[in-house]
Amino acid sequence: NPVGDDIRLDVNTVLSYRHFCNKIWNAVKFVLAALGPDFVPQPPEETVPQHPMDRWVLSRLAQAAGECGRRMEALEVHGAIAAVHHFWLRSFCDVYLVGDPVHL
């Protein structure tokens, strides 16, 4: 910190990140339960998404990863976090998981 050694801590931001971590935890539990105990993932290079929702969410993930990378290269950490946050909440949880969980 160029001005001093003080750390700015906003309680609302901390609570927001806590909520986000809880959302990650719940989504992962949901996906693991939907996949079942016998699920064995295929290597990524052998995986060809057939369902339109799978292709859609992977395209959104690619966009978010690109945005996150660009922001990190520009040292814009908040923008990188926002890209990840937006993908997880708006694309993965709100659309992909809620839309049609049969594709899992």
N, C-alpha and C. Protein backbone atom coordinates (compact mmCIF):
# COMPACT_ATOMS: atom_id res chain seq x y z
N ASN A 1 0.85 -1.17 0.00
CA ASN A 1 0.00 0.00 0.00
C ASN A 1 0.90 1.23 0.00
N PRO A 2 0.84 2.07 -1.02
CA PRO A 2 1.74 3.22 -1.10
C PRO A 2 1.47 4.28 -0.04
N VAL A 3 0.26 4.35 0.50
CA VAL A 3 -0.08 5.41 1.45
C VAL A 3 0.29 5.01 2.87
N GLY A 4 0.09 3.76 3.20
CA GLY A 4 0.35 3.30 4.56
C GLY A 4 0.15 1.80 4.65
N ASP A 5 0.16 1.31 5.87
CA ASP A 5 0.02 -0.13 6.08
C ASP A 5 -1.41 -0.52 6.45
N ASP A 6 -2.35 0.40 6.33
CA ASP A 6 -3.73 0.10 6.68
C ASP A 6 -4.37 -0.79 5.62
N ILE A 7 -5.18 -1.70 6.06
CA ILE A 7 -5.94 -2.57 5.17
C ILE A 7 -7.39 -2.13 5.23
N ARG A 8 -7.95 -1.81 4.07
CA ARG A 8 -9.37 -1.43 4.01
C ARG A 8 -10.20 -2.70 3.97
N LEU A 9 -11.10 -2.85 4.92
CA LEU A 9 -11.94 -4.05 5.01
C LEU A 9 -13.39 -3.62 5.08
N ASP A 10 -14.14 -4.00 4.07
CA ASP A 10 -15.56 -3.69 4.01
C ASP A 10 -16.33 -4.94 4.41
N VAL A 11 -17.10 -4.86 5.47
CA VAL A 11 -17.84 -6.02 5.98
C VAL A 11 -18.81 -6.56 4.93
N ASN A 12 -19.44 -5.67 4.18
CA ASN A 12 -20.38 -6.13 3.15
C ASN A 12 -19.67 -6.93 2.06
N THR A 13 -18.44 -6.54 1.73
CA THR A 13 -17.67 -7.30 0.74
C THR A 13 -17.33 -8.67 1.29
N VAL A 14 -16.93 -8.74 2.54
CA VAL A 14 -16.62 -10.03 3.17
C VAL A 14 -17.85 -10.92 3.17
N LEU A 15 -19.00 -10.38 3.50
CA LEU A 15 -20.24 -11.16 3.50
C LEU A 15 -20.60 -11.62 2.10
N SER A 16 -20.36 -10.77 1.10
CA SER A 16 -20.64 -11.14 -0.28
C SER A 16 -19.75 -12.31 -0.71
N TYR A 17 -18.47 -12.26 -0.36
CA TYR A 17 -17.56 -13.37 -0.70
C TYR A 17 -17.93 -14.64 0.05
N ARG A 18 -18.42 -14.49 1.28
CA ARG A 18 -18.88 -15.66 2.03
C ARG A 18 -20.07 -16.30 1.32
N HIS A 19 -20.99 -15.48 0.85
CA HIS A 19 -22.14 -15.97 0.11
C HIS A 19 -21.69 -16.68 -1.17
N PHE A 20 -20.71 -16.10 -1.86
CA PHE A 20 -20.20 -16.69 -3.09
C PHE A 20 -19.56 -18.05 -2.82
N CYS A 21 -18.77 -18.15 -1.76
CA CYS A 21 -18.16 -19.44 -1.40
C CYS A 21 -19.23 -20.47 -1.06
N ASN A 22 -20.28 -20.06 -0.39
CA ASN A 22 -21.39 -20.95 -0.07
C ASN A 22 -22.08 -21.42 -1.35
N LYS A 23 -22.23 -20.52 -2.32
CA LYS A 23 -22.84 -20.87 -3.61
C LYS A 23 -21.98 -21.90 -4.34
N ILE A 24 -20.67 -21.73 -4.30
CA ILE A 24 -19.76 -22.71 -4.91
C ILE A 24 -19.95 -24.07 -4.24
N TRP A 25 -19.93 -24.09 -2.92
CA TRP A 25 -20.08 -25.33 -2.16
C TRP A 25 -21.39 -26.04 -2.52
N ASN A 26 -22.49 -25.31 -2.53
CA ASN A 26 -23.78 -25.92 -2.82
C ASN A 26 -23.87 -26.43 -4.26
N ALA A 27 -23.33 -25.69 -5.20
CA ALA A 27 -23.36 -26.12 -6.60
C ALA A 27 -22.53 -27.39 -6.80
N VAL A 28 -21.36 -27.44 -6.18
CA VAL A 28 -20.51 -28.63 -6.30
C VAL A 28 -21.21 -29.84 -5.68
N LYS A 29 -21.82 -29.67 -4.52
CA LYS A 29 -22.57 -30.78 -3.91
C LYS A 29 -23.70 -31.24 -4.82
N PHE A 30 -24.42 -30.30 -5.43
CA PHE A 30 -25.52 -30.63 -6.33
C PHE A 30 -25.03 -31.43 -7.53
N VAL A 31 -23.95 -30.96 -8.15
CA VAL A 31 -23.41 -31.64 -9.33
C VAL A 31 -22.91 -33.02 -8.98
N LEU A 32 -22.18 -33.15 -7.88
CA LEU A 32 -21.67 -34.47 -7.48
C LEU A 32 -22.82 -35.44 -7.19
N ALA A 33 -23.88 -34.96 -6.57
CA ALA A 33 -25.04 -35.82 -6.30
C ALA A 33 -25.72 -36.21 -7.61
N ALA A 34 -25.82 -35.28 -8.55
CA ALA A 34 -26.46 -35.57 -9.85
C ALA A 34 -25.64 -36.57 -10.65
N LEU A 35 -24.33 -36.49 -10.56
CA LEU A 35 -23.47 -37.40 -11.31
C LEU A 35 -23.46 -38.80 -10.71
N GLY A 36 -23.66 -38.91 -9.41
CA GLY A 36 -23.71 -40.21 -8.75
C GLY A 36 -22.34 -40.71 -8.34
N PRO A 37 -22.33 -41.70 -7.46
CA PRO A 37 -21.06 -42.18 -6.90
C PRO A 37 -20.18 -42.94 -7.89
N ASP A 38 -20.76 -43.45 -8.97
CA ASP A 38 -19.98 -44.24 -9.93
C ASP A 38 -19.45 -43.43 -11.10
N PHE A 39 -19.62 -42.11 -11.07
CA PHE A 39 -19.18 -41.27 -12.16
C PHE A 39 -17.66 -41.29 -12.30
N VAL A 40 -17.19 -41.51 -13.51
CA VAL A 40 -15.77 -41.45 -13.83
C VAL A 40 -15.61 -40.45 -14.97
N PRO A 41 -14.91 -39.34 -14.72
CA PRO A 41 -14.77 -38.34 -15.79
C PRO A 41 -13.89 -38.84 -16.92
N GLN A 42 -14.24 -38.40 -18.13
CA GLN A 42 -13.42 -38.70 -19.30
C GLN A 42 -12.31 -37.66 -19.38
N PRO A 43 -11.20 -38.01 -20.03
CA PRO A 43 -10.18 -36.99 -20.26
C PRO A 43 -10.77 -35.86 -21.11
N PRO A 44 -10.41 -34.61 -20.82
CA PRO A 44 -10.98 -33.47 -21.55
C PRO A 44 -10.84 -33.60 -23.07
N GLU A 45 -9.73 -34.13 -23.54
CA GLU A 45 -9.53 -34.24 -24.99
C GLU A 45 -10.46 -35.26 -25.64
N GLU A 46 -11.07 -36.14 -24.84
CA GLU A 46 -12.00 -37.13 -25.37
C GLU A 46 -13.46 -36.72 -25.17
N THR A 47 -13.68 -35.61 -24.50
CA THR A 47 -15.02 -35.17 -24.19
C THR A 47 -15.57 -34.30 -25.31
N VAL A 48 -16.71 -34.71 -25.84
CA VAL A 48 -17.39 -33.94 -26.88
C VAL A 48 -18.81 -33.67 -26.37
N PRO A 49 -19.09 -32.44 -25.92
CA PRO A 49 -20.41 -32.15 -25.37
C PRO A 49 -21.49 -32.29 -26.45
N GLN A 50 -22.50 -33.07 -26.16
CA GLN A 50 -23.59 -33.31 -27.10
C GLN A 50 -24.78 -32.39 -26.83
N HIS A 51 -25.07 -32.16 -25.58
CA HIS A 51 -26.25 -31.37 -25.21
C HIS A 51 -25.98 -29.89 -25.48
N PRO A 52 -26.94 -29.17 -26.05
CA PRO A 52 -26.75 -27.73 -26.32
C PRO A 52 -26.39 -26.91 -25.07
N MET A 53 -26.96 -27.28 -23.92
CA MET A 53 -26.64 -26.55 -22.69
C MET A 53 -25.18 -26.75 -22.30
N ASP A 54 -24.65 -27.94 -22.54
CA ASP A 54 -23.24 -28.19 -22.24
C ASP A 54 -22.35 -27.33 -23.12
N ARG A 55 -22.67 -27.27 -24.40
CA ARG A 55 -21.89 -26.43 -25.31
C ARG A 55 -22.00 -24.97 -24.93
N TRP A 56 -23.20 -24.54 -24.55
CA TRP A 56 -23.41 -23.15 -24.16
C TRP A 56 -22.58 -22.79 -22.93
N VAL A 57 -22.64 -23.62 -21.88
CA VAL A 57 -21.92 -23.27 -20.65
C VAL A 57 -20.41 -23.32 -20.87
N LEU A 58 -19.95 -24.22 -21.73
CA LEU A 58 -18.52 -24.25 -22.04
C LEU A 58 -18.09 -23.00 -22.81
N SER A 59 -18.96 -22.48 -23.67
CA SER A 59 -18.62 -21.24 -24.37
C SER A 59 -18.57 -20.07 -23.39
N ARG A 60 -19.49 -20.06 -22.44
CA ARG A 60 -19.48 -19.00 -21.42
C ARG A 60 -18.24 -19.12 -20.52
N LEU A 61 -17.84 -20.35 -20.22
CA LEU A 61 -16.63 -20.56 -19.43
C LEU A 61 -15.41 -20.05 -20.18
N ALA A 62 -15.34 -20.35 -21.47
CA ALA A 62 -14.20 -19.88 -22.28
C ALA A 62 -14.16 -18.35 -22.30
N GLN A 63 -15.32 -17.71 -22.42
CA GLN A 63 -15.36 -16.24 -22.40
C GLN A 63 -14.88 -15.70 -21.06
N ALA A 64 -15.35 -16.32 -19.98
CA ALA A 64 -14.97 -15.87 -18.64
C ALA A 64 -13.48 -16.08 -18.40
N ALA A 65 -12.95 -17.22 -18.86
CA ALA A 65 -11.52 -17.48 -18.69
C ALA A 65 -10.69 -16.47 -19.47
N GLY A 66 -11.13 -16.15 -20.67
CA GLY A 66 -10.43 -15.14 -21.47
C GLY A 66 -10.45 -13.78 -20.81
N GLU A 67 -11.62 -13.38 -20.33
CA GLU A 67 -11.75 -12.09 -19.64
C GLU A 67 -10.90 -12.07 -18.37
N CYS A 68 -10.93 -13.15 -17.63
CA CYS A 68 -10.13 -13.24 -16.40
C CYS A 68 -8.65 -13.11 -16.73
N GLY A 69 -8.19 -13.82 -17.76
CA GLY A 69 -6.80 -13.74 -18.16
C GLY A 69 -6.39 -12.34 -18.59
N ARG A 70 -7.23 -11.69 -19.41
CA ARG A 70 -6.94 -10.32 -19.85
C ARG A 70 -6.85 -9.37 -18.67
N ARG A 71 -7.78 -9.52 -17.74
CA ARG A 71 -7.79 -8.62 -16.57
C ARG A 71 -6.57 -8.86 -15.67
N MET A 72 -6.18 -10.12 -15.49
CA MET A 72 -5.01 -10.41 -14.67
C MET A 72 -3.74 -9.86 -15.32
N GLU A 73 -3.63 -10.01 -16.65
CA GLU A 73 -2.47 -9.46 -17.34
C GLU A 73 -2.38 -7.95 -17.20
N ALA A 74 -3.53 -7.30 -17.11
CA ALA A 74 -3.57 -5.85 -16.93
C ALA A 74 -3.53 -5.45 -15.45
N LEU A 75 -3.32 -6.45 -14.59
CA LEU A 75 -3.27 -6.23 -13.14
C LEU A 75 -4.58 -5.66 -12.59
N GLU A 76 -5.68 -6.02 -13.23
CA GLU A 76 -7.01 -5.60 -12.79
C GLU A 76 -7.67 -6.77 -12.07
N VAL A 77 -7.23 -7.00 -10.84
CA VAL A 77 -7.68 -8.16 -10.07
C VAL A 77 -9.19 -8.13 -9.85
N HIS A 78 -9.73 -6.97 -9.56
CA HIS A 78 -11.17 -6.88 -9.32
C HIS A 78 -11.96 -7.28 -10.57
N GLY A 79 -11.49 -6.90 -11.75
CA GLY A 79 -12.15 -7.29 -12.99
C GLY A 79 -12.07 -8.79 -13.23
N ALA A 80 -10.92 -9.39 -12.88
CA ALA A 80 -10.78 -10.84 -13.02
C ALA A 80 -11.74 -11.57 -12.09
N ILE A 81 -11.82 -11.10 -10.86
CA ILE A 81 -12.74 -11.70 -9.89
C ILE A 81 -14.18 -11.53 -10.37
N ALA A 82 -14.50 -10.38 -10.92
CA ALA A 82 -15.86 -10.14 -11.41
C ALA A 82 -16.22 -11.08 -12.54
N ALA A 83 -15.27 -11.39 -13.42
CA ALA A 83 -15.53 -12.31 -14.54
C ALA A 83 -15.85 -13.71 -14.01
N VAL A 84 -15.07 -14.17 -13.04
CA VAL A 84 -15.30 -15.50 -12.45
C VAL A 84 -16.63 -15.50 -11.71
N HIS A 85 -16.86 -14.48 -10.93
CA HIS A 85 -18.10 -14.35 -10.14
C HIS A 85 -19.32 -14.36 -11.06
N HIS A 86 -19.27 -13.56 -12.12
CA HIS A 86 -20.39 -13.48 -13.04
C HIS A 86 -20.65 -14.83 -13.72
N PHE A 87 -19.59 -15.51 -14.18
CA PHE A 87 -19.78 -16.82 -14.81
C PHE A 87 -20.43 -17.78 -13.84
N TRP A 88 -19.88 -17.88 -12.65
CA TRP A 88 -20.37 -18.89 -11.71
C TRP A 88 -21.82 -18.64 -11.32
N LEU A 89 -22.14 -17.40 -10.97
CA LEU A 89 -23.49 -17.12 -10.51
C LEU A 89 -24.51 -17.04 -11.65
N ARG A 90 -24.20 -16.27 -12.69
CA ARG A 90 -25.19 -15.98 -13.72
C ARG A 90 -25.29 -17.05 -14.80
N SER A 91 -24.16 -17.65 -15.17
CA SER A 91 -24.21 -18.65 -16.25
C SER A 91 -24.31 -20.06 -15.69
N PHE A 92 -23.39 -20.43 -14.81
CA PHE A 92 -23.36 -21.81 -14.34
C PHE A 92 -24.53 -22.12 -13.40
N CYS A 93 -24.68 -21.36 -12.34
CA CYS A 93 -25.73 -21.67 -11.36
C CYS A 93 -27.13 -21.27 -11.83
N ASP A 94 -27.29 -20.01 -12.26
CA ASP A 94 -28.62 -19.50 -12.56
C ASP A 94 -29.21 -20.06 -13.85
N VAL A 95 -28.38 -20.44 -14.81
CA VAL A 95 -28.91 -20.94 -16.08
C VAL A 95 -28.62 -22.42 -16.26
N TYR A 96 -27.35 -22.81 -16.18
CA TYR A 96 -26.97 -24.19 -16.49
C TYR A 96 -27.56 -25.19 -15.50
N LEU A 97 -27.37 -24.95 -14.22
CA LEU A 97 -27.86 -25.91 -13.23
C LEU A 97 -29.38 -25.87 -13.07
N VAL A 98 -29.94 -24.68 -13.14
CA VAL A 98 -31.38 -24.52 -12.93
C VAL A 98 -32.17 -24.87 -14.19
N GLY A 99 -31.58 -24.57 -15.35
CA GLY A 99 -32.30 -24.73 -16.61
C GLY A 99 -32.78 -26.12 -16.90
N ASP A 100 -31.87 -27.10 -16.93
CA ASP A 100 -32.24 -28.46 -17.29
C ASP A 100 -31.18 -29.41 -16.77
N PRO A 101 -31.26 -29.77 -15.47
CA PRO A 101 -30.21 -30.60 -14.88
C PRO A 101 -30.13 -32.01 -15.45
N VAL A 102 -31.02 -32.40 -16.36
CA VAL A 102 -30.99 -33.72 -16.96
C VAL A 102 -29.69 -33.93 -17.74
N HIS A 103 -29.14 -32.86 -18.31
CA HIS A 103 -27.94 -32.98 -19.12
C HIS A 103 -26.71 -33.36 -18.30
N LEU A 104 -26.79 -33.23 -16.97
CA LEU A 104 -25.65 -33.64 -16.15
C LEU A 104 -25.58 -35.13 -16.21
